[in-house]
Structure formats: structure tokens, C-alpha cells
Amino acid sequence: MDYSSCSQLLVLAILVLFTLAQNIINAASNGVFNVIDFGAMADGIRDNSKAFENAWREACNWNTYSTVLVPPGKYLVTSVVFKGPCKAPISFQLQGLILAPPGLSKLADKESWITFESLRSFTLTGGGTFHGQGRTAWPENQCHKNSNCQLPIVILATLSYLFIYYIYSIRFNKLNDSTITGVQSVDSKFFHINILGCYNLKLNKINISAPDDSPNTDGIHIGRSNGIEISNSIIATGDDCVSLGDGSQNVLVSDVSCGPGHGISVGSLGKYKKEEDVVGLTVINCTFTGTSNGVRIKTWPDSEDGKASNFTFEDLFMNNVENPIVIDQEYCPHNQCNIKVPSRVKISNVRFRNIRGTSLTKEAVRIVCSKEIPCQNVEIGDINLVYNGIDDKGPAISSCSNVKPTLVGKQIPATCV
């Protein structure tokens, strides 16, 4: 290459850098930080993690309200953490599609793919999509069939106990007074959304989708958080639509369509030492279609001590659901526990009200409580669940043990009698 060609390339590089710098300066003038101005390429091929990180860093250090903008297009991102605290309220406006790397290898040492952490007055919006490319990872996951499976998992040790969990697609950690609205999560590799250590977080108009046979693709999992609201959303997955882990308090789920999936669950609880109590869940005006469960509370037998209380399940419609109403204190997948030893998780103050529709299993209501600590203050009111399966004839039935519920209004099937 001659001197003239080198000079031309140098001039071109300087012009590109100057243009990027000028774009960043222009963005700073109105508080909108477009990832394209930081070098992002919307081709779905090149990794844009660094460009996203740089745009976030500049926006987070802005002294007034700022926005990170992801315009229409397809952006490959290997893994990124959007971390605060920021100097002022900040929003992430996703108009395009963020694409995870295929397979599992590039995320094997990560807690999650996309993380938003330590933020106050944060907003995630824009109508865009997080796409996990789960179809490239699900064949490697046989854990729903084999308890001795080997997968990339994250082990988090604390002074109290050990967490072992799958890689999350999107994590919201320590968000306060924040809103997530109008975004989609498609085909996560494992859990779609994990909420941990958050306070007063609202999720509205969220669309979560994965096939019914996709393993461990829970929709929204909540742990150690207070004041979480999920509303006006559609969740279709291969696992729980919404699940509550230990330390969840004051959770509201309303106007949610669930299915396919495993329903809305509390637990499983009692597996680990020093789990925090679960207190306060309202599930209201929701529809379940073709799910393997409706609403469910589950604890392990031979468990650690714990409490789960103040749950209301009201105005729910079950459309061909296999197990519409469940309390299961003998939850023991893969027979990995001593079912002869009762659960020591105390369940109390549970209300099932105005739940109607069709059950694909004859046993439409199943309440199995602990022999050692029976369920207390369980109310069942105005239940109308009709058996719609093909294996047996006759009406739906219920089964109950170690519980004396208060019955209100009509009970179809007759419950705990």
C-alpha cells in the first residue's frame, strides 16, 4: 500500500471518529443517546454489547432525564449489564429487536443475558423485543426429564445458603419505583424475566412467548421483592407463567392471559435454609388456557421452616386446565425428597373466590396440606369447574387433606366434604 492510500485511510478513519463524536455531542444536547451513534450495527451479526454499554454509561451520567434509544433493526448482544445508580431518571426505549447469541456457550459464565440493576425511577418501553434464540439451546436442556442433567448453571453462595439457578434472559435487580411497559420477550433459553430485590415495580402490557414444550422457560419469576404489579399481559411459555420465590411480598397479578404453561405458582418453598416468608399475593381477573395448572401453592416435604400467607385468587377463568386449584405440600419432582416427612412451611389465609371454567382432569380441586402444620384459614367460595376430559365419565371431584376450609356460596365440585 503506497503513502497516498495510507493517507486516505487515515483521513477516512478520522472522519468516522469525528462523525461519531459529533453524533454523541448532538445526543447529549437533548438527552437521547442512540446506540447507533455509539457504533451499534443493526445487522443481527456483529456483537453490539460494547456500543450498548457505552450509550448507557453516557446516559447514566447525564444530569437530567435521559433516554437510551435502540431504533428499529436487529442487534446482536452477547451480554450486557445496565447498572446504576444514575444521576437522574433514565429510560431505555427499545424499538428494535435485541438478539441473544445462539446456543449456551457464550453465556456459560453469566448470571443473565440482559440485566438492569440498581436503578430508581427507571422506565423500559418502546414496543421492541428481546429474542433469546432459545431454540438453539433447548435441545441441550434435559433437566425437566433427567435430574442428573448437566447444564451451564450459576452457583451463588451467601453466608446463609447456596443458590443454584439457570441463566435468566432478562434480570431486574434492585429496581425501585420503576416501570416496564410494552415490550416482548420471545424464546428465552431459560427463564424469561427474573425480578430480585425490587420495590414498587410495575410491569404492564408485557408479551412473553415460547412453545409449550420449551423447558424451564418461566415467564416472570419474583424473589425477595415488595410491591410488584403485573397487569394487562400475555404470557405463553413452557413453564410457570408467573412464579413467586421466597421473600416475595405484596404482589398483584391482574388481567393476565396465561397459557400454554404451568399456571401461576407460589413456590416451590422450603427447599433451602433461611428462606424468607412469602406474604401477600392477589391474582385477579386472569384467564388460563390449556395450562397444566391454574393457581398453585407448592412446598417441599421434609422442608425447612417457613411461612406463606395472605393469598387471594379471585375472578379467574379456566379454559381446559388440567389442575385448576392446587395446594401441594408434597411437591417432589423426580422423587428427590423424603415424602414421608411432612412439610414445615405454614400456609395460612388463602382465598379462592369465583373461579369458573373447565378442567381437563377429574380432580379439579386438590388441597394437600402438611400433616405437621395443617393449612389455616382457607376459604373456598363460588367455585364452578366442570370436568371436560375424555378419560373418565361423571362430574369433577375434589380431594383435601389436613385442611378444614370455610365454604362460601356454591361449590362445583363439592369441596372438602
Protein backbone atom coordinates (compact mmCIF):
# COMPACT_ATOMS: atom_id res chain seq x y z
CA MET A 1 0.00 0.00 0.00
CA ASP A 2 1.51 3.37 -1.02
CA TYR A 3 1.73 6.54 1.05
CA SER A 4 -1.27 8.10 -0.71
CA SER A 5 -3.56 5.16 0.12
CA CYS A 6 -2.49 5.18 3.77
CA SER A 7 -3.19 8.88 3.99
CA GLN A 8 -6.66 8.40 2.55
CA LEU A 9 -7.47 5.62 5.04
CA LEU A 10 -6.25 7.78 7.91
CA VAL A 11 -8.41 10.69 6.79
CA LEU A 12 -11.42 8.37 6.47
CA ALA A 13 -10.87 6.97 9.98
CA ILE A 14 -10.62 10.48 11.40
CA LEU A 15 -13.84 11.48 9.64
CA VAL A 16 -15.66 8.45 11.06
CA LEU A 17 -14.45 9.19 14.58
CA PHE A 18 -15.36 12.85 14.16
CA THR A 19 -18.85 11.92 12.96
CA LEU A 20 -19.38 9.59 15.93
CA ALA A 21 -18.14 12.22 18.34
CA GLN A 22 -20.41 14.84 16.76
CA ASN A 23 -23.40 12.49 16.99
CA ILE A 24 -22.68 11.87 20.67
CA ILE A 25 -22.43 15.62 21.29
CA ASN A 26 -25.74 16.16 19.48
CA ALA A 27 -27.35 13.36 21.52
CA ALA A 28 -26.16 14.92 24.73
CA SER A 29 -27.86 18.18 23.78
CA ASN A 30 -31.33 16.58 24.04
CA GLY A 31 -30.64 13.71 26.43
CA VAL A 32 -31.30 10.96 23.86
CA PHE A 33 -28.43 8.53 23.40
CA ASN A 34 -28.92 6.47 20.26
CA VAL A 35 -26.91 3.23 20.27
CA ILE A 36 -26.21 3.75 16.56
CA ASP A 37 -24.23 6.87 17.45
CA PHE A 38 -22.01 4.69 19.64
CA GLY A 39 -21.20 2.26 16.86
CA ALA A 40 -24.06 -0.26 17.06
CA MET A 41 -24.81 -2.12 13.83
CA ALA A 42 -28.36 -3.35 13.20
CA ASP A 43 -27.33 -6.33 11.10
CA GLY A 44 -28.05 -9.16 13.59
CA ILE A 45 -24.49 -10.44 13.11
CA ARG A 46 -21.91 -8.21 14.81
CA ASP A 47 -21.82 -8.02 18.61
CA ASN A 48 -23.14 -4.69 19.89
CA SER A 49 -22.51 -5.21 23.60
CA LYS A 50 -19.82 -2.52 23.82
CA ALA A 51 -21.86 0.06 21.92
CA PHE A 52 -24.86 -0.55 24.21
CA GLU A 53 -22.64 -0.27 27.30
CA ASN A 54 -21.11 3.00 26.10
CA ALA A 55 -24.50 4.54 25.29
CA TRP A 56 -25.79 3.52 28.72
CA ARG A 57 -22.74 4.92 30.52
CA GLU A 58 -23.13 8.34 28.89
CA ALA A 59 -26.87 8.44 29.54
CA CYS A 60 -26.49 7.29 33.14
CA ASN A 61 -24.02 10.13 33.79
CA TRP A 62 -26.35 12.75 32.27
CA ASN A 63 -27.51 15.29 34.85
CA THR A 64 -31.17 15.36 33.78
CA TYR A 65 -33.67 12.85 32.40
CA SER A 66 -32.06 10.75 29.67
CA THR A 67 -33.04 8.03 27.20
CA VAL A 68 -31.07 5.20 25.65
CA LEU A 69 -32.63 4.62 22.25
CA VAL A 70 -32.48 1.34 20.33
CA PRO A 71 -34.08 2.21 16.97
CA PRO A 72 -35.74 -0.34 14.66
CA GLY A 73 -33.39 -3.09 13.49
CA LYS A 74 -31.85 -6.34 14.70
CA TYR A 75 -28.99 -6.04 17.20
CA LEU A 76 -26.89 -8.99 18.36
CA VAL A 77 -25.82 -8.55 22.00
CA THR A 78 -23.75 -11.21 23.75
CA SER A 79 -24.37 -10.00 27.31
CA VAL A 80 -24.69 -6.61 28.97
CA VAL A 81 -25.38 -5.13 32.42
CA PHE A 82 -27.12 -1.73 32.53
CA LYS A 83 -26.12 -0.66 36.00
CA GLY A 84 -26.87 2.35 38.18
CA PRO A 85 -27.27 4.32 40.20
CA CYS A 86 -27.65 7.05 37.59
CA LYS A 87 -27.52 10.80 38.15
CA ALA A 88 -31.17 11.29 37.11
CA PRO A 89 -34.18 9.23 36.00
CA ILE A 90 -33.38 7.20 32.89
CA SER A 91 -35.35 5.30 30.27
CA PHE A 92 -34.45 2.52 27.85
CA GLN A 93 -36.53 2.78 24.70
CA LEU A 94 -36.39 -0.45 22.75
CA GLN A 95 -37.93 -0.05 19.31
CA GLY A 96 -35.92 -2.77 17.61
CA LEU A 97 -35.05 -6.39 18.34
CA ILE A 98 -32.18 -7.40 20.62
CA LEU A 99 -30.89 -10.85 19.71
CA ALA A 100 -29.10 -13.22 22.09
CA PRO A 101 -26.15 -15.29 20.86
CA PRO A 102 -27.12 -18.79 19.70
CA GLY A 103 -26.58 -21.78 21.96
CA LEU A 104 -25.30 -21.64 25.54
CA SER A 105 -21.51 -21.41 25.31
CA LYS A 106 -21.20 -17.62 25.31
CA LEU A 107 -23.42 -17.30 28.38
CA ALA A 108 -21.98 -20.21 30.37
CA ASP A 109 -20.30 -17.92 32.94
CA LYS A 110 -23.10 -15.32 33.09
CA GLU A 111 -25.94 -14.86 35.57
CA SER A 112 -28.12 -13.47 32.80
CA TRP A 113 -28.17 -12.22 29.25
CA ILE A 114 -29.57 -8.69 29.84
CA THR A 115 -29.51 -7.08 33.31
CA PHE A 116 -30.93 -3.79 34.60
CA GLU A 117 -29.60 -3.14 38.10
CA SER A 118 -29.59 -0.62 40.97
CA LEU A 119 -31.92 1.93 39.38
CA ARG A 120 -34.61 4.29 40.66
CA SER A 121 -37.34 5.88 38.51
CA PHE A 122 -36.33 3.74 35.55
CA THR A 123 -38.55 3.07 32.53
CA LEU A 124 -38.23 0.31 29.94
CA THR A 125 -40.57 0.81 26.99
CA GLY A 126 -40.73 1.14 23.22
CA GLY A 127 -42.65 -1.86 21.86
CA GLY A 128 -39.50 -3.79 20.94
CA THR A 129 -38.40 -7.37 21.51
CA PHE A 130 -35.80 -9.34 23.44
CA HIS A 131 -35.23 -12.56 21.49
CA GLY A 132 -33.36 -15.29 23.36
CA GLN A 133 -32.84 -17.71 20.45
CA GLY A 134 -33.98 -20.46 22.79
CA ARG A 135 -34.49 -22.97 20.00
CA THR A 136 -30.70 -23.21 19.71
CA ALA A 137 -30.38 -24.05 23.43
CA TRP A 138 -33.42 -26.16 24.37
CA PRO A 139 -32.07 -29.41 22.86
CA GLU A 140 -29.19 -29.19 25.37
CA ASN A 141 -31.62 -28.98 28.30
CA GLN A 142 -32.92 -32.33 29.53
CA CYS A 143 -33.31 -31.25 33.18
CA HIS A 144 -37.09 -31.45 33.01
CA LYS A 145 -36.65 -35.17 32.24
CA ASN A 146 -33.40 -36.09 33.99
CA SER A 147 -32.47 -34.91 37.48
CA ASN A 148 -28.80 -35.74 36.80
CA CYS A 149 -28.55 -33.42 33.81
CA GLN A 150 -25.51 -31.20 33.18
CA LEU A 151 -26.15 -27.61 32.09
CA PRO A 152 -24.46 -24.22 32.38
CA ILE A 153 -25.82 -23.00 35.71
CA VAL A 154 -24.87 -20.23 38.08
CA ILE A 155 -23.95 -21.02 41.68
CA LEU A 156 -24.33 -18.12 44.08
CA ALA A 157 -23.04 -18.68 47.60
CA THR A 158 -24.00 -16.45 50.51
CA LEU A 159 -23.25 -16.63 54.20
CA SER A 160 -26.62 -18.27 54.71
CA TYR A 161 -27.06 -20.76 51.90
CA LEU A 162 -26.47 -21.72 48.29
CA PHE A 163 -28.50 -20.72 45.24
CA ILE A 164 -28.30 -22.75 42.04
CA TYR A 165 -30.21 -21.37 39.09
CA TYR A 166 -30.36 -21.27 35.32
CA ILE A 167 -29.28 -18.31 33.20
CA TYR A 168 -32.03 -15.70 33.05
CA SER A 169 -32.88 -13.93 29.83
CA ILE A 170 -33.69 -10.58 31.49
CA ARG A 171 -32.93 -9.68 35.10
CA PHE A 172 -34.33 -6.72 37.02
CA ASN A 173 -32.18 -6.36 40.15
CA LYS A 174 -32.77 -3.70 42.80
CA LEU A 175 -35.13 -1.51 40.79
CA ASN A 176 -37.19 0.98 42.81
CA ASP A 177 -40.24 2.98 41.67
CA SER A 178 -39.81 1.81 38.09
CA THR A 179 -41.99 0.76 35.14
CA ILE A 180 -41.65 -1.87 32.42
CA THR A 181 -44.25 -1.50 29.69
CA GLY A 182 -44.95 -2.57 26.14
CA VAL A 183 -42.01 -4.91 25.48
CA GLN A 184 -41.78 -8.54 24.37
CA SER A 185 -39.62 -11.50 25.37
CA VAL A 186 -39.50 -14.32 22.85
CA ASP A 187 -37.94 -17.80 23.10
CA SER A 188 -35.74 -17.34 26.15
CA LYS A 189 -33.10 -20.00 26.72
CA PHE A 190 -34.36 -20.49 30.29
CA PHE A 191 -36.41 -18.08 32.46
CA HIS A 192 -37.66 -15.03 30.56
CA ILE A 193 -37.73 -12.44 33.36
CA ASN A 194 -36.35 -12.56 36.90
CA ILE A 195 -37.20 -9.88 39.47
CA LEU A 196 -34.94 -9.75 42.53
CA GLY A 197 -34.66 -7.18 45.31
CA CYS A 198 -37.10 -4.74 43.66
CA TYR A 199 -39.58 -2.34 45.28
CA ASN A 200 -42.63 -0.78 43.64
CA LEU A 201 -42.01 -2.19 40.18
CA LYS A 202 -44.85 -2.19 37.65
CA LEU A 203 -44.95 -4.42 34.56
CA ASN A 204 -47.72 -3.59 32.09
CA LYS A 205 -48.55 -4.84 28.59
CA ILE A 206 -45.77 -7.42 28.60
CA ASN A 207 -45.88 -10.14 25.94
CA ILE A 208 -43.91 -13.30 26.73
CA SER A 209 -43.88 -16.26 24.35
CA ALA A 210 -42.21 -19.65 23.99
CA PRO A 211 -43.60 -23.04 22.87
CA ASP A 212 -45.35 -25.22 25.44
CA ASP A 213 -42.59 -27.84 25.18
CA SER A 214 -39.72 -25.39 25.79
CA PRO A 215 -38.06 -26.45 29.07
CA ASN A 216 -37.66 -24.12 32.09
CA THR A 217 -38.92 -21.05 30.24
CA ASP A 218 -40.76 -19.50 33.20
CA GLY A 219 -42.39 -16.21 32.26
CA ILE A 220 -41.84 -13.93 35.27
CA HIS A 221 -40.16 -15.14 38.47
CA ILE A 222 -40.23 -12.90 41.55
CA GLY A 223 -38.00 -13.20 44.59
CA ARG A 224 -37.27 -11.05 47.64
CA SER A 225 -39.26 -8.12 46.23
CA ASN A 226 -42.09 -5.96 47.53
CA GLY A 227 -44.87 -4.17 45.67
CA ILE A 228 -44.67 -5.87 42.27
CA GLU A 229 -47.59 -5.39 39.85
CA ILE A 230 -48.09 -7.38 36.64
CA SER A 231 -51.06 -6.31 34.52
CA ASN A 232 -52.62 -6.45 31.04
CA SER A 233 -50.10 -9.01 29.82
CA ILE A 234 -49.98 -12.16 27.72
CA ILE A 235 -47.72 -14.98 28.90
CA ALA A 236 -47.33 -18.23 26.95
CA THR A 237 -44.43 -20.47 28.00
CA GLY A 238 -43.22 -23.98 28.70
CA ASP A 239 -43.24 -23.46 32.48
CA ASP A 240 -44.89 -21.19 35.09
CA CYS A 241 -46.41 -18.03 33.66
CA VAL A 242 -45.70 -16.26 36.96
CA SER A 243 -43.91 -17.74 39.96
CA LEU A 244 -43.12 -16.40 43.41
CA GLY A 245 -39.99 -17.42 45.27
CA ASP A 246 -39.09 -16.73 48.88
CA GLY A 247 -39.24 -13.17 50.17
CA SER A 248 -41.97 -12.07 47.74
CA GLN A 249 -44.40 -9.60 49.32
CA ASN A 250 -47.45 -7.66 48.17
CA VAL A 251 -47.63 -8.92 44.59
CA LEU A 252 -50.59 -8.13 42.31
CA VAL A 253 -51.27 -10.06 39.10
CA SER A 254 -54.28 -8.74 37.18
CA ASP A 255 -55.75 -9.06 33.69
CA VAL A 256 -53.16 -11.59 32.59
CA SER A 257 -53.69 -14.27 29.96
CA CYS A 258 -51.71 -17.40 30.86
CA GLY A 259 -51.25 -20.33 28.53
CA PRO A 260 -49.72 -22.51 27.47
CA GLY A 261 -47.64 -23.02 30.59
CA HIS A 262 -47.79 -24.32 34.13
CA GLY A 263 -50.05 -21.61 35.56
CA ILE A 264 -49.37 -19.11 38.35
CA SER A 265 -47.43 -20.59 41.27
CA VAL A 266 -46.24 -19.75 44.74
CA GLY A 267 -43.05 -21.74 45.29
CA SER A 268 -41.79 -24.25 45.45
CA LEU A 269 -40.89 -23.24 49.03
CA GLY A 270 -38.90 -24.84 51.81
CA LYS A 271 -36.01 -26.36 49.89
CA TYR A 272 -33.27 -24.05 51.17
CA LYS A 273 -32.25 -22.84 54.61
CA LYS A 274 -33.29 -19.38 55.84
CA GLU A 275 -35.81 -18.74 53.10
CA GLU A 276 -37.79 -15.57 53.70
CA ASP A 277 -41.58 -15.67 54.19
CA VAL A 278 -43.91 -15.13 51.24
CA VAL A 279 -46.69 -12.72 52.25
CA GLY A 280 -49.35 -11.14 50.08
CA LEU A 281 -50.38 -12.21 46.58
CA THR A 282 -53.53 -11.24 44.71
CA VAL A 283 -54.34 -12.88 41.37
CA ILE A 284 -57.48 -11.33 39.91
CA ASN A 285 -59.35 -11.28 36.61
CA CYS A 286 -56.98 -13.64 34.81
CA THR A 287 -57.57 -16.32 32.16
CA PHE A 288 -55.80 -19.69 31.96
CA THR A 289 -55.93 -21.62 28.68
CA GLY A 290 -54.60 -25.15 28.25
CA THR A 291 -52.22 -24.88 31.20
CA SER A 292 -51.07 -27.85 33.27
CA ASN A 293 -52.09 -25.96 36.42
CA GLY A 294 -54.22 -22.99 37.24
CA VAL A 295 -53.29 -21.37 40.56
CA ARG A 296 -50.95 -23.35 42.77
CA ILE A 297 -49.10 -23.18 46.09
CA LYS A 298 -46.33 -25.76 46.41
CA THR A 299 -43.90 -26.63 49.19
CA TRP A 300 -41.38 -29.43 49.60
CA PRO A 301 -41.89 -32.23 52.09
CA ASP A 302 -39.13 -32.63 54.67
CA SER A 303 -38.65 -28.89 54.26
CA GLU A 304 -37.03 -26.09 56.15
CA ASP A 305 -39.29 -23.93 58.35
CA GLY A 306 -41.20 -21.18 56.57
CA LYS A 307 -44.44 -19.24 56.19
CA ALA A 308 -46.67 -18.45 53.23
CA SER A 309 -49.77 -16.36 53.85
CA ASN A 310 -52.34 -13.85 52.61
CA PHE A 311 -53.17 -15.11 49.13
CA THR A 312 -56.29 -14.20 47.15
CA PHE A 313 -57.21 -15.90 43.87
CA GLU A 314 -60.36 -14.25 42.52
CA ASP A 315 -62.41 -13.88 39.33
CA LEU A 316 -60.44 -16.43 37.33
CA PHE A 317 -61.48 -18.31 34.20
CA MET A 318 -60.08 -21.79 33.50
CA ASN A 319 -60.27 -22.97 29.90
CA ASN A 320 -59.42 -26.70 29.76
CA VAL A 321 -56.87 -26.51 32.55
CA GLU A 322 -55.52 -29.77 33.96
CA ASN A 323 -55.36 -28.82 37.66
CA PRO A 324 -57.27 -25.58 38.22
CA ILE A 325 -56.85 -25.21 42.02
CA VAL A 326 -53.89 -26.72 43.88
CA ILE A 327 -52.23 -26.56 47.25
CA ASP A 328 -49.49 -29.18 47.24
CA GLN A 329 -47.31 -29.60 50.32
CA GLU A 330 -45.91 -32.84 48.97
CA TYR A 331 -44.26 -31.32 45.92
CA CYS A 332 -41.42 -33.66 44.97
CA PRO A 333 -40.27 -33.63 41.33
CA HIS A 334 -38.02 -36.52 40.27
CA ASN A 335 -38.64 -38.09 43.72
CA GLN A 336 -35.71 -36.14 45.14
CA CYS A 337 -37.07 -35.86 48.67
CA ASN A 338 -38.45 -37.81 51.60
CA ILE A 339 -42.18 -37.54 51.05
CA LYS A 340 -42.87 -39.35 54.35
CA VAL A 341 -41.61 -36.33 56.34
CA PRO A 342 -44.19 -33.50 56.35
CA SER A 343 -43.52 -30.01 55.11
CA ARG A 344 -42.76 -27.42 57.77
CA VAL A 345 -43.95 -24.46 55.73
CA LYS A 346 -47.05 -22.97 57.34
CA ILE A 347 -49.73 -21.92 54.83
CA SER A 348 -52.49 -19.59 56.05
CA ASN A 349 -55.07 -17.03 54.94
CA VAL A 350 -55.79 -18.34 51.44
CA ARG A 351 -58.92 -17.38 49.50
CA PHE A 352 -60.22 -18.97 46.29
CA ARG A 353 -63.19 -16.93 45.01
CA ASN A 354 -65.29 -17.02 41.85
CA ILE A 355 -63.17 -19.46 39.86
CA ARG A 356 -65.03 -20.99 36.93
CA GLY A 357 -64.48 -22.86 33.69
CA THR A 358 -63.43 -26.35 32.59
CA SER A 359 -60.97 -28.88 33.95
CA LEU A 360 -59.20 -31.50 31.85
CA THR A 361 -58.60 -33.62 34.94
CA LYS A 362 -61.40 -35.04 37.00
CA GLU A 363 -59.78 -33.75 40.20
CA ALA A 364 -60.44 -30.04 39.69
CA VAL A 365 -59.61 -29.01 43.27
CA ARG A 366 -56.69 -30.57 45.14
CA ILE A 367 -55.68 -29.28 48.55
CA VAL A 368 -52.98 -31.37 50.22
CA CYS A 369 -51.61 -29.67 53.33
CA SER A 370 -48.93 -30.65 55.80
CA LYS A 371 -49.69 -33.28 58.43
CA GLU A 372 -47.42 -31.49 60.85
CA ILE A 373 -48.68 -27.94 60.20
CA PRO A 374 -52.15 -28.06 58.61
CA CYS A 375 -53.27 -25.15 56.43
CA GLN A 376 -55.16 -22.48 58.35
CA ASN A 377 -57.93 -20.08 57.34
CA VAL A 378 -58.54 -21.37 53.82
CA GLU A 379 -61.71 -20.02 52.18
CA ILE A 380 -63.29 -21.51 49.07
CA GLY A 381 -66.19 -19.55 47.58
CA ASP A 382 -68.30 -19.79 44.43
CA ILE A 383 -66.31 -22.38 42.50
CA ASN A 384 -67.78 -23.71 39.24
CA LEU A 385 -65.38 -26.08 37.49
CA VAL A 386 -66.80 -28.61 35.03
CA TYR A 387 -64.89 -31.74 34.02
CA ASN A 388 -64.15 -31.65 30.29
CA GLY A 389 -61.70 -34.54 29.91
CA ILE A 390 -62.04 -37.74 27.93
CA ASP A 391 -60.56 -40.40 30.23
CA ASP A 392 -63.33 -40.62 32.81
CA LYS A 393 -67.04 -40.08 32.98
CA GLY A 394 -69.01 -38.14 35.51
CA PRO A 395 -68.57 -34.77 37.23
CA ALA A 396 -65.42 -33.16 38.55
CA ILE A 397 -64.26 -34.05 42.06
CA SER A 398 -62.05 -32.58 44.78
CA SER A 399 -59.58 -34.01 47.26
CA CYS A 400 -58.47 -32.47 50.53
CA SER A 401 -56.23 -33.43 53.43
CA ASN A 402 -55.10 -31.69 56.59
CA VAL A 403 -57.34 -28.68 55.99
CA LYS A 404 -60.77 -27.52 57.19
CA PRO A 405 -61.74 -24.77 54.77
CA THR A 406 -64.53 -22.24 55.09
CA LEU A 407 -67.01 -22.82 52.25
CA VAL A 408 -68.94 -19.88 50.83
CA GLY A 409 -71.59 -19.90 48.10
CA LYS A 410 -71.78 -22.69 45.51
CA GLN A 411 -69.14 -25.38 45.18
CA ILE A 412 -68.87 -27.28 41.90
CA PRO A 413 -67.37 -29.74 42.54
CA ALA A 414 -68.35 -30.25 46.16
CA THR A 415 -65.16 -29.38 48.01
CA CYS A 416 -63.64 -31.00 51.08
CA VAL A 417 -66.80 -32.79 52.12
